[in-house]
Every structure is written in C-alpha cells, then in structure tokens.
Protein backbone atom coordinates (compact mmCIF):
# COMPACT_ATOMS: atom_id res chain seq x y z
CA UNK A 1 5.84 22.13 22.30
CA UNK A 2 8.82 24.41 22.04
CA UNK A 3 8.42 28.15 22.52
CA UNK A 4 9.45 30.03 19.38
CA UNK A 5 10.14 33.70 18.97
CA UNK A 6 9.88 35.88 15.86
CA UNK A 7 13.46 35.05 14.77
CA UNK A 8 12.84 31.32 15.07
CA UNK A 9 9.71 31.70 12.94
CA UNK A 10 11.64 33.73 10.39
CA UNK A 11 14.25 30.97 10.18
CA UNK A 12 11.54 28.31 9.74
CA UNK A 13 9.83 30.30 7.00
CA UNK A 14 13.11 30.89 5.18
CA UNK A 15 14.26 27.26 5.20
CA UNK A 16 10.72 26.05 4.34
CA UNK A 17 10.86 28.14 1.19
CA UNK A 18 14.49 27.32 0.37
CA UNK A 19 16.42 24.65 2.24
CA UNK A 20 19.57 25.40 0.27
CA UNK A 21 20.24 28.81 1.76
CA UNK A 22 23.81 29.37 2.87
CA UNK A 23 24.48 30.34 6.46
CA UNK A 24 25.14 33.92 5.33
CA UNK A 25 22.00 34.14 3.17
CA UNK A 26 19.82 32.78 5.97
CA UNK A 27 21.30 35.19 8.50
CA UNK A 28 20.68 38.15 6.16
CA UNK A 29 17.06 37.11 5.57
CA UNK A 30 16.25 36.86 9.26
CA UNK A 31 18.27 39.87 10.42
CA UNK A 32 20.89 38.10 12.51
CA UNK A 33 24.61 37.61 12.21
CA UNK A 34 25.73 34.22 10.92
CA UNK A 35 26.78 32.53 14.18
CA UNK A 36 23.65 33.22 16.27
CA UNK A 37 21.47 32.36 13.27
CA UNK A 38 23.31 29.06 12.76
CA UNK A 39 23.01 28.28 16.48
CA UNK A 40 19.24 28.82 16.32
CA UNK A 41 18.96 26.68 13.18
CA UNK A 42 20.87 23.82 14.82
CA UNK A 43 18.64 24.13 17.94
CA UNK A 44 15.52 23.87 15.74
CA UNK A 45 16.97 20.80 14.04
CA UNK A 46 18.01 19.17 17.35
CA UNK A 47 14.54 19.74 18.80
CA UNK A 48 13.01 17.92 15.81
CA UNK A 49 11.12 21.03 14.70
CA UNK A 50 12.98 20.89 11.38
CA UNK A 51 12.54 17.24 10.43
CA UNK A 52 14.32 17.19 7.07
CA UNK A 53 15.23 19.10 3.94
CA UNK A 54 14.12 18.17 0.44
CA UNK A 55 13.26 19.24 -3.07
CA UNK A 56 9.85 19.64 -4.67
CA UNK A 57 9.91 17.63 -7.88
CA UNK A 58 7.66 18.32 -10.86
CA UNK A 59 6.50 14.81 -11.71
CA UNK A 60 4.64 15.99 -14.81
CA UNK A 61 8.01 16.95 -16.32
CA UNK A 62 9.44 13.49 -15.67
CA UNK A 63 6.80 10.92 -16.60
CA UNK A 64 3.07 10.36 -16.96
CA UNK A 65 1.47 9.61 -13.61
CA UNK A 66 -1.78 9.72 -11.71
CA UNK A 67 -2.44 10.92 -8.16
CA UNK A 68 -5.25 9.20 -6.31
CA UNK A 69 -6.71 9.84 -2.88
CA UNK A 70 -8.22 6.81 -1.22
CA UNK A 71 -10.47 6.87 1.82
CA UNK A 72 -10.17 3.61 3.74
CA UNK A 73 -12.39 1.88 6.27
CA UNK A 74 -10.99 -1.02 8.27
CA UNK A 75 -12.96 -4.16 9.05
CA UNK A 76 -12.06 -4.07 12.75
CA UNK A 77 -11.55 -1.09 15.03
CA UNK A 78 -9.03 -2.10 17.63
CA UNK A 79 -5.42 -1.22 18.38
CA UNK A 80 -4.02 -4.35 16.72
CA UNK A 81 -5.94 -3.71 13.48
CA UNK A 82 -4.76 -0.11 13.30
CA UNK A 83 -1.16 -1.16 13.98
CA UNK A 84 -1.25 -3.88 11.28
CA UNK A 85 -2.67 -1.45 8.71
CA UNK A 86 -0.22 1.34 9.57
CA UNK A 87 2.79 -1.00 9.43
CA UNK A 88 1.61 -2.26 6.04
CA UNK A 89 1.56 1.27 4.62
CA UNK A 90 5.36 1.39 4.77
CA UNK A 91 5.57 -1.57 2.36
CA UNK A 92 3.82 0.18 -0.56
CA UNK A 93 6.06 2.76 -2.25
CA UNK A 94 3.15 4.16 -4.27
CA UNK A 95 1.48 5.31 -1.06
CA UNK A 96 3.18 8.66 -0.60
CA UNK A 97 1.14 9.77 2.42
CA UNK A 98 -1.25 8.20 4.90
CA UNK A 99 -3.31 10.01 7.52
CA UNK A 100 -5.37 8.47 10.32
CA UNK A 101 -8.75 10.22 10.48
CA UNK A 102 -11.41 10.83 13.06
CA UNK A 103 -14.94 10.64 11.71
CA UNK A 104 -16.42 8.58 8.90
CA UNK A 105 -13.34 6.87 7.48
CA UNK A 106 -10.30 5.49 9.23
CA UNK A 107 -7.51 6.60 6.86
CA UNK A 108 -6.85 8.82 3.88
CA UNK A 109 -4.13 7.67 1.49
CA UNK A 110 -2.33 9.61 -1.19
CA UNK A 111 -1.18 7.35 -4.00
CA UNK A 112 1.08 8.32 -6.90
CA UNK A 113 1.50 5.74 -9.63
CA UNK A 114 1.92 5.40 -13.41
CA UNK A 115 -1.73 4.97 -14.36
CA UNK A 116 -5.10 3.67 -13.22
CA UNK A 117 -4.15 0.10 -14.11
CA UNK A 118 -1.13 0.19 -11.78
CA UNK A 119 -3.32 1.79 -9.11
CA UNK A 120 -5.75 -1.14 -9.38
CA UNK A 121 -2.86 -3.59 -9.07
CA UNK A 122 -1.84 -1.82 -5.85
CA UNK A 123 -5.38 -2.08 -4.44
CA UNK A 124 -5.52 -5.78 -5.36
CA UNK A 125 -2.19 -6.33 -3.55
CA UNK A 126 -3.52 -4.51 -0.49
CA UNK A 127 -6.67 -6.63 -0.47
CA UNK A 128 -4.69 -9.85 -0.84
CA UNK A 129 -2.28 -8.79 1.94
CA UNK A 130 -5.07 -9.10 4.52
CA UNK A 131 -4.23 -5.85 6.28
CA UNK A 132 -7.78 -5.24 7.47
CA UNK A 133 -9.07 -3.23 4.51
CA UNK A 134 -12.88 -3.50 4.47
CA UNK A 135 -13.93 -0.69 2.10
CA UNK A 136 -12.17 1.93 0.07
CA UNK A 137 -13.24 4.84 -2.09
CA UNK A 138 -11.09 6.16 -4.92
CA UNK A 139 -10.77 9.84 -5.87
CA UNK A 140 -8.65 10.51 -8.96
CA UNK A 141 -6.97 13.92 -9.07
CA UNK A 142 -7.86 15.60 -12.36
CA UNK A 143 -5.65 18.65 -11.82
CA UNK A 144 -3.70 20.16 -8.95
CA UNK A 145 -5.19 23.42 -7.72
CA UNK A 146 -3.03 24.19 -4.67
CA UNK A 147 -0.24 22.47 -2.81
CA UNK A 148 2.02 21.35 -1.47
CA UNK A 149 2.34 24.68 0.26
CA UNK A 150 4.56 26.10 2.93
CA UNK A 151 3.11 25.69 6.42
CA UNK A 152 1.08 28.74 7.58
CA UNK A 153 3.45 29.49 10.47
CA UNK A 154 2.11 33.00 11.07
CA UNK A 155 -1.45 31.70 11.42
CA UNK A 156 -0.45 28.82 13.67
CA UNK A 157 1.55 30.97 16.06
CA UNK A 158 -1.17 33.55 16.79
C-alpha cells in the first residue's frame, strides 16, 4: 500500500470524476500549482494507483441490451480448476466483469449482451468449453438503481 495524503486523495477524486481534466484545471481543483500537481499525478500513475482512464458509455442510447449477473460454482475446487476458469473468462467478450468470491459460490460474473437468447448461447458455449462450470444461477437486471459509482475514497482512507 502507498501512503496518500489529502492532496493525493483530492487528485484521485478529481480524475475519477473527470479523466479529461487539463493539467491547469486539475491543479486548480486540488489547490496546487500545475507542476507539483502533475508530478503527483504521474507518481500515482507510476505506482499503479491510477490504472487507466476511460469513458462511461450509456449503452441504452446505443442499442438494446441486457445485463445479467451470474453466480457460478465450479465442479472442482483446486488451484488448477480456478486457473482454467479464470483464463477462460478472458475469451468471452460479453463477460464484462468477473469476481472470485468467498462463501457459497465461487465466482460472480457480469454479462452484457444483446438479449436473453444471446446470453443463453454464451452459457452453452461456456458449458461446451469444459472450463469446470458445475452450476450457475442467472439474475437478469431489470433496471439500474446505482452504479457504476466513484470509489468512496474518503470512507476508505479513514
């Protein structure tokens, strides 16, 4: 872990909300002059604290789609089985996120695809791929309520 001070947190909050800030705009928001602010930003990037920059895209304005969460249980619980499953996740573009879980299920997947039919085709492909999938449970998102949100930096740094 890297120690962060209040200015570092201010920089992280600012670029989390808007990654397109100019050097001058960022410096003004965090109360620093441009050069020391830019130096801190580059240090945060070099340390891997800032992993990337991106845009939030409103899919509903582009095309019909469905978001599905899938809880997954593997047939075997050993290092090789977990590795095989996790490597397979990179091959399916519709799987936009995958989390390993402790507790009842092994993984939680977030899937974004055109419709339920294309979701079922994905599941069939996963079953045929023999990646260790024993059971899965499907949860279709009916409406977004919250998220994706900015990380709660203030709460995490207390």
